[in-house]
């Protein structure tokens, strides 16, 4: 059987020939793998990767499917619109011939309603001005029993270690816990495999401070991605510890001083995962961290 020779054009300049696993690995490095044009001997023309079944089945586990777009309903033929306009004209002519109300009646009625509304607005009794509250004035930035959360004043900033934009953030919980699925879904990751180490750079879009990841690696075996027998625990790389919380770590008790990635920040997690495969994929299975108080 002849060896397959694939080509793809990520920047309007073809690359190849290459085997299918190398093609899939190259497509997964693109922002939109399914839209990249691919070709091999036997295809009628250059075709988007998402429309080639044997390529798309390898992209599907890693690429979020695009939402289908609903095409607008086609406009009716011009003849029907003209017919409707002609029908309205004929109806207006019949109404006028039968002595129906003319347009002047409607214009005069509308003007009368407008004048009546202006008169009512001018002479309607106004509500009394609210009297100033008595009692001591609370200091700026404090909350009284009847007030909600005040908006941040000029120059206000979030509390140390808290998510940006959350004034009054009280810090992280003392107890490290499992992240809920809704928070795990907000972690965006890019993986790299060097030697025997798997590294994942994570952007934390949630509200927890993440200190540990558990991932499921997948290796390409022949033409299919197969899960590894064991999952891998990844910990933050020391040099990538979030610098924003460094100033408050000394004041944190116990394990809350563990390295981690705070909300809206990016950090690298690493762990030993075995020899690097020809092509691979990863999925974040679970994570641990500290929720906000």
Protein backbone atom coordinates (compact mmCIF):
# COMPACT_ATOMS: atom_id res chain seq x y z
CA UNK A 1 0.00 0.00 0.00
CA UNK A 2 1.45 3.39 -0.99
CA UNK A 3 2.29 5.77 1.84
CA UNK A 4 -0.15 8.66 2.13
CA UNK A 5 1.27 12.06 1.27
CA UNK A 6 -0.71 14.94 2.77
CA UNK A 7 -0.33 18.68 2.18
CA UNK A 8 -1.88 21.66 4.00
CA UNK A 9 -1.75 25.44 3.54
CA UNK A 10 -1.92 27.35 6.84
CA UNK A 11 -0.58 30.62 5.33
CA UNK A 12 -1.55 30.28 1.64
CA UNK A 13 1.69 28.39 1.11
CA UNK A 14 1.44 24.65 1.04
CA UNK A 15 3.48 22.45 3.39
CA UNK A 16 4.20 18.75 2.86
CA UNK A 17 4.20 16.01 1.91
CA UNK A 18 3.70 14.44 5.35
CA UNK A 19 1.91 11.47 6.98
CA UNK A 20 -1.52 11.88 8.55
CA UNK A 21 -0.30 12.08 12.20
CA UNK A 22 2.06 14.94 11.34
CA UNK A 23 -0.73 16.70 9.45
CA UNK A 24 -3.07 16.46 12.49
CA UNK A 25 -0.31 17.76 14.80
CA UNK A 26 0.25 20.75 12.49
CA UNK A 27 -3.47 21.54 12.24
CA UNK A 28 -3.93 21.50 16.03
CA UNK A 29 -1.39 24.32 16.32
CA UNK A 30 -3.65 26.63 14.27
CA UNK A 31 -6.36 28.90 15.74
CA UNK A 32 -9.07 27.26 13.57
CA UNK A 33 -7.82 23.81 12.45
CA UNK A 34 -11.04 22.83 10.65
CA UNK A 35 -10.88 25.78 8.21
CA UNK A 36 -7.33 25.09 6.99
CA UNK A 37 -7.16 23.67 3.44
CA UNK A 38 -5.72 20.15 3.02
CA UNK A 39 -5.08 17.89 0.01
CA UNK A 40 -3.77 14.48 -0.93
CA UNK A 41 -3.86 12.38 -4.02
CA UNK A 42 -7.46 11.27 -4.53
CA UNK A 43 -9.17 14.47 -3.34
CA UNK A 44 -10.79 16.48 -6.16
CA UNK A 45 -9.41 19.81 -4.85
CA UNK A 46 -8.02 21.57 -1.79
CA UNK A 47 -10.66 21.05 0.91
CA UNK A 48 -11.17 22.46 4.47
CA UNK A 49 -9.91 19.92 7.02
CA UNK A 50 -13.29 19.82 8.77
CA UNK A 51 -14.89 18.47 5.58
CA UNK A 52 -12.43 15.58 5.16
CA UNK A 53 -13.76 12.76 7.36
CA UNK A 54 -10.46 10.94 7.96
CA UNK A 55 -8.85 14.21 9.14
CA UNK A 56 -11.82 15.62 11.06
CA UNK A 57 -12.19 12.46 13.20
CA UNK A 58 -8.71 13.18 14.64
CA UNK A 59 -9.49 16.89 15.20
CA UNK A 60 -12.89 16.34 16.85
CA UNK A 61 -11.57 15.42 20.37
CA UNK A 62 -9.60 18.70 20.56
CA UNK A 63 -11.61 21.29 18.62
CA UNK A 64 -14.90 22.74 19.83
CA UNK A 65 -17.45 22.34 17.01
CA UNK A 66 -18.61 25.55 15.45
CA UNK A 67 -22.19 26.57 16.14
CA UNK A 68 -24.39 26.25 13.05
CA UNK A 69 -25.49 29.52 11.59
CA UNK A 70 -29.09 29.98 10.57
CA UNK A 71 -29.41 31.52 7.13
CA UNK A 72 -31.90 34.38 6.92
CA UNK A 73 -35.18 33.51 5.28
CA UNK A 74 -35.13 34.48 1.61
CA UNK A 75 -37.04 37.57 0.76
CA UNK A 76 -40.24 37.12 -1.14
CA UNK A 77 -40.28 37.87 -4.86
CA UNK A 78 -40.51 41.51 -5.86
CA UNK A 79 -43.72 40.80 -7.71
CA UNK A 80 -45.55 39.86 -4.48
CA UNK A 81 -44.44 43.09 -2.76
CA UNK A 82 -45.61 45.14 -5.69
CA UNK A 83 -48.91 43.24 -5.68
CA UNK A 84 -49.40 43.97 -1.97
CA UNK A 85 -48.65 47.69 -2.52
CA UNK A 86 -51.14 47.81 -5.38
CA UNK A 87 -53.77 46.06 -3.23
CA UNK A 88 -53.29 48.59 -0.43
CA UNK A 89 -53.67 51.44 -2.92
CA UNK A 90 -56.89 49.98 -4.30
CA UNK A 91 -58.25 49.45 -0.77
CA UNK A 92 -57.50 53.07 0.17
CA UNK A 93 -59.23 54.29 -2.98
CA UNK A 94 -62.36 52.19 -2.20
CA UNK A 95 -62.43 53.47 1.40
CA UNK A 96 -62.21 57.09 0.29
CA UNK A 97 -64.92 56.51 -2.35
CA UNK A 98 -67.22 55.03 0.30
CA UNK A 99 -66.84 58.10 2.49
CA UNK A 100 -64.38 56.66 4.99
CA UNK A 101 -62.30 58.90 7.26
CA UNK A 102 -59.53 60.80 5.46
CA UNK A 103 -55.94 61.10 6.63
CA UNK A 104 -56.63 64.64 7.92
CA UNK A 105 -58.89 63.17 10.62
CA UNK A 106 -56.08 60.99 11.95
CA UNK A 107 -53.54 63.84 11.84
CA UNK A 108 -55.88 66.14 13.73
CA UNK A 109 -56.63 63.49 16.36
CA UNK A 110 -52.92 62.82 16.91
CA UNK A 111 -52.18 66.53 17.32
CA UNK A 112 -54.99 66.84 19.89
CA UNK A 113 -53.60 63.96 21.97
CA UNK A 114 -50.11 65.53 21.90
CA UNK A 115 -51.41 68.92 23.11
CA UNK A 116 -53.41 67.25 25.89
CA UNK A 117 -50.32 65.36 27.06
CA UNK A 118 -48.24 68.57 27.24
CA UNK A 119 -50.94 70.35 29.29
CA UNK A 120 -51.20 67.45 31.76
CA UNK A 121 -47.40 67.32 32.15
CA UNK A 122 -47.19 71.09 32.86
CA UNK A 123 -49.95 71.20 35.48
CA UNK A 124 -49.57 67.80 37.15
CA UNK A 125 -48.54 68.26 40.81
CA UNK A 126 -44.84 67.60 41.38
CA UNK A 127 -43.62 65.15 44.01
CA UNK A 128 -42.09 66.83 47.06
CA UNK A 129 -38.30 66.98 47.27
CA UNK A 130 -36.91 64.25 49.57
CA UNK A 131 -35.83 65.52 52.95
CA UNK A 132 -32.19 64.92 53.91
CA UNK A 133 -31.66 62.02 56.30
CA UNK A 134 -30.78 62.83 59.84
CA UNK A 135 -28.08 61.09 61.80
CA UNK A 136 -24.33 60.66 61.41
CA UNK A 137 -22.92 60.43 57.91
CA UNK A 138 -21.09 57.13 57.34
CA UNK A 139 -17.44 57.38 56.42
CA UNK A 140 -16.61 56.85 52.74
CA UNK A 141 -16.06 53.18 51.89
CA UNK A 142 -18.03 51.81 54.89
CA UNK A 143 -21.40 50.05 54.67
CA UNK A 144 -24.47 50.80 56.80
CA UNK A 145 -27.10 48.20 57.72
CA UNK A 146 -29.48 49.35 54.98
CA UNK A 147 -26.94 49.83 52.20
CA UNK A 148 -25.79 47.31 49.61
CA UNK A 149 -22.28 47.00 48.33
CA UNK A 150 -20.91 50.44 47.47
CA UNK A 151 -19.32 50.90 44.06
CA UNK A 152 -15.58 51.48 44.29
CA UNK A 153 -14.64 55.11 44.78
CA UNK A 154 -11.92 56.98 42.85
CA UNK A 155 -8.63 55.10 43.08
CA UNK A 156 -10.19 52.02 44.69
CA UNK A 157 -8.49 48.68 43.94
CA UNK A 158 -9.22 45.05 44.62
CA UNK A 159 -7.95 43.49 47.84
CA UNK A 160 -4.51 41.77 47.59
CA UNK A 161 -4.75 38.35 45.99
CA UNK A 162 -8.33 38.86 44.82
CA UNK A 163 -9.73 38.76 41.32
CA UNK A 164 -9.32 42.16 39.56
CA UNK A 165 -12.38 44.37 39.73
CA UNK A 166 -13.82 42.77 42.95
CA UNK A 167 -13.62 45.51 45.58
CA UNK A 168 -13.80 44.17 49.12
CA UNK A 169 -12.42 40.72 48.25
CA UNK A 170 -11.72 39.02 51.59
CA UNK A 171 -9.02 36.61 50.41
CA UNK A 172 -8.91 32.88 49.78
CA UNK A 173 -10.44 30.12 51.88
CA UNK A 174 -8.10 28.30 54.30
CA UNK A 175 -9.19 24.91 52.93
CA UNK A 176 -7.84 23.58 49.63
CA UNK A 177 -10.67 21.81 47.75
CA UNK A 178 -11.61 20.20 44.45
CA UNK A 179 -12.65 22.74 41.78
CA UNK A 180 -16.27 22.36 40.58
CA UNK A 181 -16.79 21.41 36.94
CA UNK A 182 -17.98 24.94 36.14
CA UNK A 183 -14.59 26.33 37.24
CA UNK A 184 -12.58 23.63 35.42
CA UNK A 185 -14.39 24.60 32.21
CA UNK A 186 -12.94 28.12 32.57
CA UNK A 187 -9.32 26.90 32.47
CA UNK A 188 -7.80 27.40 29.00
CA UNK A 189 -4.63 25.37 28.42
CA UNK A 190 -1.88 24.83 25.84
CA UNK A 191 0.27 21.68 26.26
CA UNK A 192 3.90 20.98 25.37
CA UNK A 193 5.89 17.75 25.85
CA UNK A 194 9.65 17.98 26.44
CA UNK A 195 11.55 14.75 27.08
CA UNK A 196 9.57 12.98 29.79
CA UNK A 197 7.87 16.13 31.14
CA UNK A 198 4.43 17.36 30.16
CA UNK A 199 3.96 21.12 30.62
CA UNK A 200 0.64 22.95 30.37
CA UNK A 201 0.36 26.74 30.29
CA UNK A 202 -3.02 27.62 31.85
CA UNK A 203 -5.06 30.80 31.69
CA UNK A 204 -7.37 30.89 34.75
CA UNK A 205 -10.67 32.45 33.70
CA UNK A 206 -12.50 31.41 36.89
CA UNK A 207 -12.63 32.76 40.46
CA UNK A 208 -10.61 30.05 42.27
CA UNK A 209 -6.86 30.10 42.88
CA UNK A 210 -5.60 26.90 41.17
CA UNK A 211 -2.76 24.92 42.81
CA UNK A 212 -2.89 21.48 41.14
CA UNK A 213 -4.10 19.86 37.89
CA UNK A 214 -4.85 16.24 37.00
CA UNK A 215 -4.72 15.60 33.24
CA UNK A 216 -5.41 12.64 30.95
CA UNK A 217 -2.75 12.36 28.20
CA UNK A 218 -3.64 10.74 24.85
CA UNK A 219 -1.08 9.31 22.41
CA UNK A 220 -1.46 8.69 18.70
CA UNK A 221 -1.30 4.94 18.06
CA UNK A 222 -1.41 4.22 14.33
CA UNK A 223 -4.30 6.46 13.27
CA UNK A 224 -6.17 6.68 16.60
CA UNK A 225 -5.58 8.63 19.82
CA UNK A 226 -5.52 6.30 22.84
CA UNK A 227 -5.72 7.36 26.52
CA UNK A 228 -2.67 6.63 28.70
CA UNK A 229 -3.18 4.02 31.40
CA UNK A 230 -2.60 6.57 34.14
CA UNK A 231 -3.46 10.19 34.63
CA UNK A 232 -0.74 12.74 35.45
CA UNK A 233 -0.62 15.21 38.34
CA UNK A 234 0.79 18.61 37.34
CA UNK A 235 2.04 21.21 39.82
CA UNK A 236 2.90 24.90 39.27
CA UNK A 237 6.43 25.60 38.06
CA UNK A 238 8.24 27.58 40.76
CA UNK A 239 9.37 30.35 38.46
CA UNK A 240 5.79 30.88 37.25
CA UNK A 241 4.16 31.47 40.66
CA UNK A 242 1.72 34.34 40.48
CA UNK A 243 3.63 37.49 41.53
CA UNK A 244 0.49 39.40 42.52
CA UNK A 245 -0.02 37.20 45.58
CA UNK A 246 3.62 36.97 46.53
CA UNK A 247 3.37 39.94 48.87
CA UNK A 248 0.59 38.36 50.92
CA UNK A 249 1.89 34.76 51.04
CA UNK A 250 3.85 35.42 54.23
CA UNK A 251 0.63 36.37 56.01
CA UNK A 252 -1.24 33.23 54.87
CA UNK A 253 -1.42 30.30 57.32
CA UNK A 254 -0.70 26.66 56.49
CA UNK A 255 -0.97 25.38 52.96
CA UNK A 256 -2.58 28.54 51.57
CA UNK A 257 0.94 29.68 50.70
CA UNK A 258 1.22 26.91 48.06
CA UNK A 259 2.13 28.19 44.59
CA UNK A 260 -0.84 28.66 42.32
CA UNK A 261 -2.45 30.72 39.56
CA UNK A 262 -4.97 33.41 40.53
CA UNK A 263 -8.00 34.43 38.44
CA UNK A 264 -7.28 36.24 35.16
CA UNK A 265 -3.60 35.19 35.36
CA UNK A 266 -1.51 32.67 33.43
CA UNK A 267 0.94 30.10 34.81
CA UNK A 268 2.71 26.87 33.88
CA UNK A 269 2.05 23.44 35.43
CA UNK A 270 4.45 20.52 34.93
CA UNK A 271 4.73 16.80 35.69
CA UNK A 272 6.44 13.59 34.55
CA UNK A 273 4.41 11.78 31.87
CA UNK A 274 6.86 9.41 30.13
CA UNK A 275 8.48 9.54 26.72
CA UNK A 276 7.07 12.07 24.26
CA UNK A 277 4.81 10.46 21.60
CA UNK A 278 4.74 11.42 17.92
CA UNK A 279 1.43 13.23 18.48
CA UNK A 280 -0.58 13.72 21.65
CA UNK A 281 -3.50 15.47 23.30
CA UNK A 282 -4.48 16.27 26.89
CA UNK A 283 -7.67 16.87 28.86
CA UNK A 284 -7.93 18.48 32.32
CA UNK A 285 -9.80 15.88 34.39
CA UNK A 286 -9.81 17.61 37.78
CA UNK A 287 -8.10 20.40 39.69
CA UNK A 288 -7.56 21.64 43.23
CA UNK A 289 -7.31 25.13 44.65
CA UNK A 290 -8.69 27.71 47.04
CA UNK A 291 -12.13 29.28 46.55
CA UNK A 292 -12.68 32.95 47.42
CA UNK A 293 -14.16 33.57 50.87
